[in-house]
Amino acid sequence: MQSLSNVSNSLLLESLKKLKGNENITIADIVLHLSELDTRGLYRDIGYSSLYSYCREALGYSEGASYRRIQAAKALKDNPEVYQLLRDGKLSLCAVAEVSKVIKPDNKEELLNSAQGKAKLEVQKIVARYQEPERPGRERIVVTKVAVEADSLFNQTQEPEIKEELKLTFTVAANDEFNELLNEARSFIGNVPLVEVFKRTLKEFVDRRKKAPRTGKKSSNTTTRYISKAVKHEVRKRDQNRCTDVSSDSHRCSETCGLEFEHIRPFSLGGGNDISNIRLLCSTHNKLLAERVYGKEKINSYINI
């Protein structure tokens, strides 16, 4: 590691200021590149389901760092002046991420001017003035660390061991129907904590989905798009419940949510519904492959109907 112990105070300060300027330029250019990459959808071709997964897995950014850069990249598309403000250090990455939530053509000039040189908290207060009331139904998950006293059955005389674990707090807006179902579930389970009701219900749901169907034909029938439960079960097991898209450099997509069953040989071209012709793809790569087979314009026309 390079030592700076012999560098004079004035040179150290001057060098640090120069590095900060270079950092601003680098951040602005990264955001610009991410914006263009997102516009092209290039992350799909190299095996990622979203710009977020590309930032996390390919570039190695943390969740927060990925979020801030993506928000800034999206803001840049309609507000190109943000690039120069980032480059000059007049707006921080955190400030742009906050501003991106509310920026519109009619408030752009005022918002960007008032946010310049402000800390994140100050920018949040500015942004709050432009925000609409929160719509009901939005879900929130807050993760915190809590200290937990570990049980010690054999060393009761010793001081209890204190461990840290993550605690997730969920905020969900629900209606009367949900409340009725919750009360009915509690009538079967008993008066247990709410989290226990959810845990048991989710475990039962997941276990039921993992079970193989009692009966089912693994048919290769080409007269219908219907894929039997037995085939779906085997495909999920074979593909390890993960998108099977692999890029040219052998990177396999890591997406495990919202997976879709895709015909390797398209159904419209005579592909059957047997296990060998069905695989799992995330919605991003399913759409990408459909564009390659049928053309981007045709697929987009179906989506926009």
Protein backbone atom coordinates (compact mmCIF):
# COMPACT_ATOMS: atom_id res chain seq x y z
CA MET A 1 0.00 0.00 0.00
CA GLN A 2 1.25 3.45 -0.91
CA SER A 3 2.28 5.52 2.10
CA LEU A 4 1.26 9.18 2.34
CA SER A 5 3.21 9.92 5.52
CA ASN A 6 5.79 12.03 3.68
CA VAL A 7 3.23 14.06 1.71
CA SER A 8 2.86 17.66 2.88
CA ASN A 9 -0.45 18.90 4.30
CA SER A 10 -1.11 21.23 1.38
CA LEU A 11 -0.36 18.55 -1.20
CA LEU A 12 -2.51 16.01 0.66
CA LEU A 13 -5.48 18.39 0.67
CA GLU A 14 -4.96 19.34 -2.98
CA SER A 15 -4.67 15.69 -4.02
CA LEU A 16 -7.81 14.70 -2.12
CA LYS A 17 -9.77 17.53 -3.74
CA LYS A 18 -8.62 16.37 -7.18
CA LEU A 19 -9.58 12.78 -6.42
CA LYS A 20 -13.05 13.92 -5.32
CA GLY A 21 -13.48 15.71 -8.63
CA ASN A 22 -12.46 12.56 -10.49
CA GLU A 23 -14.88 10.56 -8.37
CA ASN A 24 -17.77 12.84 -9.39
CA ILE A 25 -16.86 12.40 -13.06
CA THR A 26 -16.64 8.62 -12.66
CA ILE A 27 -20.02 8.40 -10.90
CA ALA A 28 -21.68 10.56 -13.55
CA ASP A 29 -20.22 8.40 -16.32
CA ILE A 30 -21.29 5.17 -14.59
CA VAL A 31 -24.85 6.49 -14.31
CA LEU A 32 -24.76 7.52 -17.98
CA HIS A 33 -23.56 4.05 -19.03
CA LEU A 34 -26.20 2.34 -16.88
CA SER A 35 -28.90 4.54 -18.43
CA GLU A 36 -27.86 3.51 -21.94
CA LEU A 37 -27.50 -0.14 -20.92
CA ASP A 38 -31.04 -0.05 -19.52
CA THR A 39 -32.41 1.59 -22.68
CA ARG A 40 -30.89 -1.17 -24.81
CA GLY A 41 -31.95 -3.90 -22.38
CA LEU A 42 -28.41 -5.20 -22.74
CA TYR A 43 -28.42 -6.87 -19.32
CA ARG A 44 -30.84 -9.46 -20.77
CA ASP A 45 -28.31 -10.63 -23.40
CA ILE A 46 -25.61 -11.23 -20.81
CA GLY A 47 -27.76 -13.35 -18.50
CA TYR A 48 -29.37 -10.94 -16.01
CA SER A 49 -33.08 -10.52 -15.36
CA SER A 50 -32.92 -6.82 -14.50
CA LEU A 51 -30.60 -3.84 -14.27
CA TYR A 52 -30.67 -4.33 -10.50
CA SER A 53 -29.38 -7.93 -10.66
CA TYR A 54 -26.69 -6.77 -13.12
CA CYS A 55 -25.51 -4.08 -10.68
CA ARG A 56 -25.54 -6.49 -7.76
CA GLU A 57 -23.96 -9.53 -9.40
CA ALA A 58 -21.85 -8.25 -12.29
CA LEU A 59 -20.67 -4.94 -10.84
CA GLY A 60 -20.65 -6.01 -7.19
CA TYR A 61 -22.58 -3.04 -5.79
CA SER A 62 -24.51 -3.35 -2.54
CA GLU A 63 -28.31 -3.17 -2.53
CA GLY A 64 -28.32 0.51 -1.60
CA ALA A 65 -25.57 1.45 -4.06
CA SER A 66 -27.38 -0.41 -6.85
CA TYR A 67 -30.67 1.32 -6.06
CA ARG A 68 -29.13 4.80 -6.06
CA ARG A 69 -27.34 4.30 -9.37
CA ILE A 70 -30.40 2.81 -11.05
CA GLN A 71 -32.66 5.62 -9.84
CA ALA A 72 -30.16 8.16 -11.14
CA ALA A 73 -29.86 6.29 -14.46
CA LYS A 74 -33.63 6.34 -14.95
CA ALA A 75 -33.82 10.04 -14.00
CA LEU A 76 -31.13 10.80 -16.56
CA LYS A 77 -33.26 9.57 -19.48
CA ASP A 78 -35.76 12.43 -19.29
CA ASN A 79 -33.51 14.88 -17.47
CA PRO A 80 -30.09 14.98 -19.20
CA GLU A 81 -29.01 18.03 -17.16
CA VAL A 82 -28.65 15.71 -14.15
CA TYR A 83 -25.47 14.31 -15.72
CA GLN A 84 -23.60 17.62 -15.54
CA LEU A 85 -24.87 18.31 -12.02
CA LEU A 86 -23.49 14.94 -10.91
CA ARG A 87 -20.25 15.51 -12.77
CA ASP A 88 -19.74 18.93 -11.17
CA GLY A 89 -20.59 17.60 -7.71
CA LYS A 90 -23.55 19.94 -7.35
CA LEU A 91 -25.86 16.97 -6.79
CA SER A 92 -24.85 13.85 -4.91
CA LEU A 93 -25.94 10.38 -6.00
CA CYS A 94 -28.22 10.18 -2.95
CA ALA A 95 -29.80 13.51 -3.87
CA VAL A 96 -30.51 12.38 -7.45
CA ALA A 97 -32.02 9.12 -6.21
CA GLU A 98 -34.39 11.06 -3.94
CA VAL A 99 -35.24 13.70 -6.57
CA SER A 100 -35.99 10.97 -9.16
CA LYS A 101 -39.08 9.99 -7.14
CA VAL A 102 -40.94 13.21 -7.91
CA ILE A 103 -39.19 15.01 -10.76
CA LYS A 104 -41.52 16.19 -13.54
CA PRO A 105 -41.24 18.73 -16.38
CA ASP A 106 -43.23 21.31 -14.41
CA ASN A 107 -41.13 21.08 -11.22
CA LYS A 108 -37.74 20.12 -12.66
CA GLU A 109 -36.00 23.49 -12.57
CA GLU A 110 -37.14 24.41 -9.07
CA LEU A 111 -36.45 20.95 -7.68
CA LEU A 112 -32.94 20.60 -9.11
CA ASN A 113 -31.95 24.10 -8.02
CA SER A 114 -33.19 23.65 -4.45
CA ALA A 115 -31.52 20.21 -4.08
CA GLN A 116 -28.03 21.34 -5.10
CA GLY A 117 -25.43 21.11 -2.36
CA LYS A 118 -27.91 19.62 0.11
CA ALA A 119 -27.43 16.56 2.31
CA LYS A 120 -29.71 13.55 1.89
CA LEU A 121 -32.02 14.48 4.79
CA GLU A 122 -32.43 18.01 3.47
CA VAL A 123 -33.25 16.68 0.00
CA GLN A 124 -35.80 14.27 1.48
CA LYS A 125 -37.56 17.22 3.11
CA ILE A 126 -37.60 19.07 -0.23
CA VAL A 127 -38.91 16.00 -2.07
CA ALA A 128 -41.66 15.52 0.54
CA ARG A 129 -43.22 18.82 -0.57
CA TYR A 130 -43.77 17.39 -4.05
CA GLN A 131 -44.96 13.93 -3.07
CA GLU A 132 -48.57 12.86 -3.45
CA PRO A 133 -50.32 11.15 -0.52
CA GLU A 134 -49.31 7.51 -0.30
CA ARG A 135 -51.75 5.17 -1.97
CA PRO A 136 -53.23 2.40 0.17
CA GLY A 137 -52.01 -1.09 -0.52
CA ARG A 138 -48.28 -0.39 -0.66
CA GLU A 139 -46.12 -2.91 1.17
CA ARG A 140 -43.08 -2.05 3.21
CA ILE A 141 -40.40 -4.22 4.74
CA VAL A 142 -38.05 -2.73 7.34
CA VAL A 143 -34.99 -4.77 8.36
CA THR A 144 -33.38 -4.11 11.73
CA LYS A 145 -30.87 -5.86 13.97
CA VAL A 146 -31.99 -6.98 17.42
CA ALA A 147 -30.09 -8.49 20.33
CA VAL A 148 -31.33 -11.96 21.29
CA GLU A 149 -30.47 -13.82 24.47
CA ALA A 150 -29.39 -17.35 23.54
CA ASP A 151 -30.83 -20.13 25.72
CA SER A 152 -28.28 -22.09 27.74
CA LEU A 153 -29.67 -25.35 29.12
CA PHE A 154 -26.39 -26.66 30.49
CA ASN A 155 -24.65 -23.56 31.80
CA GLN A 156 -27.28 -21.77 33.84
CA THR A 157 -24.63 -20.18 36.06
CA GLN A 158 -22.91 -18.44 33.16
CA GLU A 159 -23.85 -15.10 31.69
CA PRO A 160 -26.37 -15.57 28.86
CA GLU A 161 -24.88 -15.32 25.37
CA ILE A 162 -26.13 -12.31 23.41
CA LYS A 163 -26.49 -12.77 19.67
CA GLU A 164 -27.64 -10.47 16.89
CA GLU A 165 -30.26 -11.47 14.37
CA LEU A 166 -32.23 -9.68 11.70
CA LYS A 167 -35.80 -8.66 12.42
CA LEU A 168 -38.16 -7.88 9.54
CA THR A 169 -41.12 -5.58 10.11
CA PHE A 170 -43.84 -5.83 7.45
CA THR A 171 -46.41 -3.12 6.83
CA VAL A 172 -49.30 -4.26 4.63
CA ALA A 173 -52.57 -2.50 3.87
CA ALA A 174 -55.38 -5.10 3.99
CA ASN A 175 -59.15 -5.06 3.48
CA ASP A 176 -62.09 -6.62 5.35
CA GLU A 177 -61.85 -9.88 3.39
CA PHE A 178 -58.24 -10.33 4.51
CA ASN A 179 -59.21 -9.65 8.13
CA GLU A 180 -62.03 -12.22 7.95
CA LEU A 181 -59.66 -14.87 6.57
CA LEU A 182 -57.12 -14.04 9.26
CA ASN A 183 -59.73 -14.44 12.01
CA GLU A 184 -60.89 -17.73 10.48
CA ALA A 185 -57.29 -19.01 10.36
CA ARG A 186 -56.85 -18.08 14.01
CA SER A 187 -59.97 -20.06 14.87
CA PHE A 188 -58.13 -23.18 13.62
CA ILE A 189 -54.67 -22.36 14.95
CA GLY A 190 -55.58 -20.65 18.19
CA ASN A 191 -54.72 -17.28 19.65
CA VAL A 192 -51.07 -17.25 18.56
CA PRO A 193 -48.94 -14.28 17.44
CA LEU A 194 -49.75 -12.96 13.97
CA VAL A 195 -46.35 -13.95 12.62
CA GLU A 196 -47.05 -17.57 13.60
CA VAL A 197 -50.27 -17.56 11.56
CA PHE A 198 -48.38 -16.31 8.52
CA LYS A 199 -45.50 -18.77 9.00
CA ARG A 200 -47.81 -21.79 9.22
CA THR A 201 -49.90 -20.63 6.27
CA LEU A 202 -46.88 -19.95 4.07
CA LYS A 203 -45.23 -23.25 5.04
CA GLU A 204 -48.38 -25.17 4.15
CA PHE A 205 -48.63 -23.33 0.82
CA VAL A 206 -44.96 -23.97 -0.08
CA ASP A 207 -45.07 -27.64 0.99
CA ARG A 208 -48.20 -28.21 -1.08
CA ARG A 209 -46.58 -26.67 -4.15
CA LYS A 210 -43.44 -28.79 -3.73
CA LYS A 211 -45.36 -32.07 -3.63
CA ALA A 212 -45.51 -34.07 -6.81
CA PRO A 213 -49.03 -34.40 -8.27
CA ARG A 214 -50.71 -37.70 -7.41
CA THR A 215 -51.47 -38.42 -11.02
CA GLY A 216 -50.62 -36.64 -14.19
CA LYS A 217 -49.85 -37.37 -17.80
CA LYS A 218 -46.49 -36.26 -19.11
CA SER A 219 -47.98 -35.80 -22.54
CA SER A 220 -46.35 -34.30 -25.63
CA ASN A 221 -49.72 -33.23 -27.00
CA THR A 222 -49.29 -30.34 -29.48
CA THR A 223 -52.97 -29.46 -29.82
CA THR A 224 -53.09 -27.35 -26.65
CA ARG A 225 -50.76 -25.04 -24.78
CA TYR A 226 -51.79 -26.62 -21.48
CA ILE A 227 -48.82 -27.98 -19.54
CA SER A 228 -49.76 -30.63 -17.00
CA LYS A 229 -49.01 -30.25 -13.31
CA ALA A 230 -46.80 -33.34 -13.48
CA VAL A 231 -44.63 -31.80 -16.19
CA LYS A 232 -44.43 -28.48 -14.33
CA HIS A 233 -43.37 -30.26 -11.16
CA GLU A 234 -40.60 -32.18 -12.94
CA VAL A 235 -39.40 -29.09 -14.78
CA ARG A 236 -39.20 -27.06 -11.56
CA LYS A 237 -37.22 -29.84 -9.90
CA ARG A 238 -34.88 -30.28 -12.87
CA ASP A 239 -34.26 -26.54 -13.33
CA GLN A 240 -33.88 -26.00 -9.55
CA ASN A 241 -36.65 -23.40 -9.61
CA ARG A 242 -34.37 -20.92 -11.37
CA CYS A 243 -34.25 -19.21 -14.76
CA THR A 244 -32.33 -21.40 -17.22
CA ASP A 245 -31.11 -18.64 -19.55
CA VAL A 246 -27.34 -18.84 -20.04
CA SER A 247 -25.42 -16.05 -21.73
CA SER A 248 -22.66 -16.48 -24.31
CA ASP A 249 -20.05 -16.21 -21.53
CA SER A 250 -21.76 -19.03 -19.56
CA HIS A 251 -23.45 -16.80 -16.96
CA ARG A 252 -26.76 -18.31 -15.86
CA CYS A 253 -29.52 -15.95 -14.80
CA SER A 254 -30.05 -16.07 -11.03
CA GLU A 255 -33.75 -15.07 -11.02
CA THR A 256 -36.03 -17.32 -8.94
CA CYS A 257 -39.19 -15.18 -8.73
CA GLY A 258 -42.04 -14.95 -11.22
CA LEU A 259 -40.71 -17.77 -13.37
CA GLU A 260 -42.58 -18.84 -16.51
CA PHE A 261 -42.78 -22.14 -18.35
CA GLU A 262 -41.37 -21.70 -21.86
CA HIS A 263 -41.48 -24.00 -24.89
CA ILE A 264 -37.93 -24.57 -26.15
CA ARG A 265 -39.35 -25.30 -29.58
CA PRO A 266 -42.20 -22.77 -29.78
CA PHE A 267 -45.71 -24.17 -29.49
CA SER A 268 -46.73 -22.28 -32.65
CA LEU A 269 -43.96 -24.10 -34.53
CA GLY A 270 -45.05 -27.55 -33.37
CA GLY A 271 -43.31 -27.76 -30.01
CA GLY A 272 -44.84 -30.22 -27.56
CA ASN A 273 -45.57 -30.04 -23.85
CA ASP A 274 -43.28 -32.85 -22.73
CA ILE A 275 -40.56 -32.29 -20.15
CA SER A 276 -37.76 -32.17 -22.71
CA ASN A 277 -39.38 -29.19 -24.48
CA ILE A 278 -40.33 -27.14 -21.40
CA ARG A 279 -37.99 -25.05 -19.28
CA LEU A 280 -38.14 -22.23 -16.74
CA LEU A 281 -37.38 -18.66 -17.72
CA CYS A 282 -37.83 -15.36 -15.92
CA SER A 283 -40.26 -12.98 -17.64
CA THR A 284 -37.35 -10.86 -18.90
CA HIS A 285 -35.63 -13.70 -20.75
CA ASN A 286 -38.88 -15.26 -21.90
CA LYS A 287 -39.70 -11.96 -23.62
CA LEU A 288 -36.16 -11.68 -25.01
CA LEU A 289 -36.35 -15.13 -26.61
CA ALA A 290 -39.81 -14.40 -28.01
CA GLU A 291 -38.38 -11.22 -29.61
CA ARG A 292 -35.63 -13.28 -31.21
CA VAL A 293 -38.12 -15.77 -32.65
CA TYR A 294 -40.98 -13.51 -33.69
CA GLY A 295 -39.38 -10.05 -33.79
CA LYS A 296 -39.40 -7.22 -31.26
CA GLU A 297 -42.16 -5.22 -32.98
CA LYS A 298 -44.57 -8.15 -33.04
CA ILE A 299 -44.03 -8.99 -29.38
CA ASN A 300 -44.40 -5.34 -28.33
CA SER A 301 -47.65 -5.10 -30.32
CA TYR A 302 -49.06 -8.06 -28.34
CA ILE A 303 -47.99 -6.46 -25.05
CA ASN A 304 -49.59 -3.12 -25.91
CA ILE A 305 -52.95 -4.59 -26.93
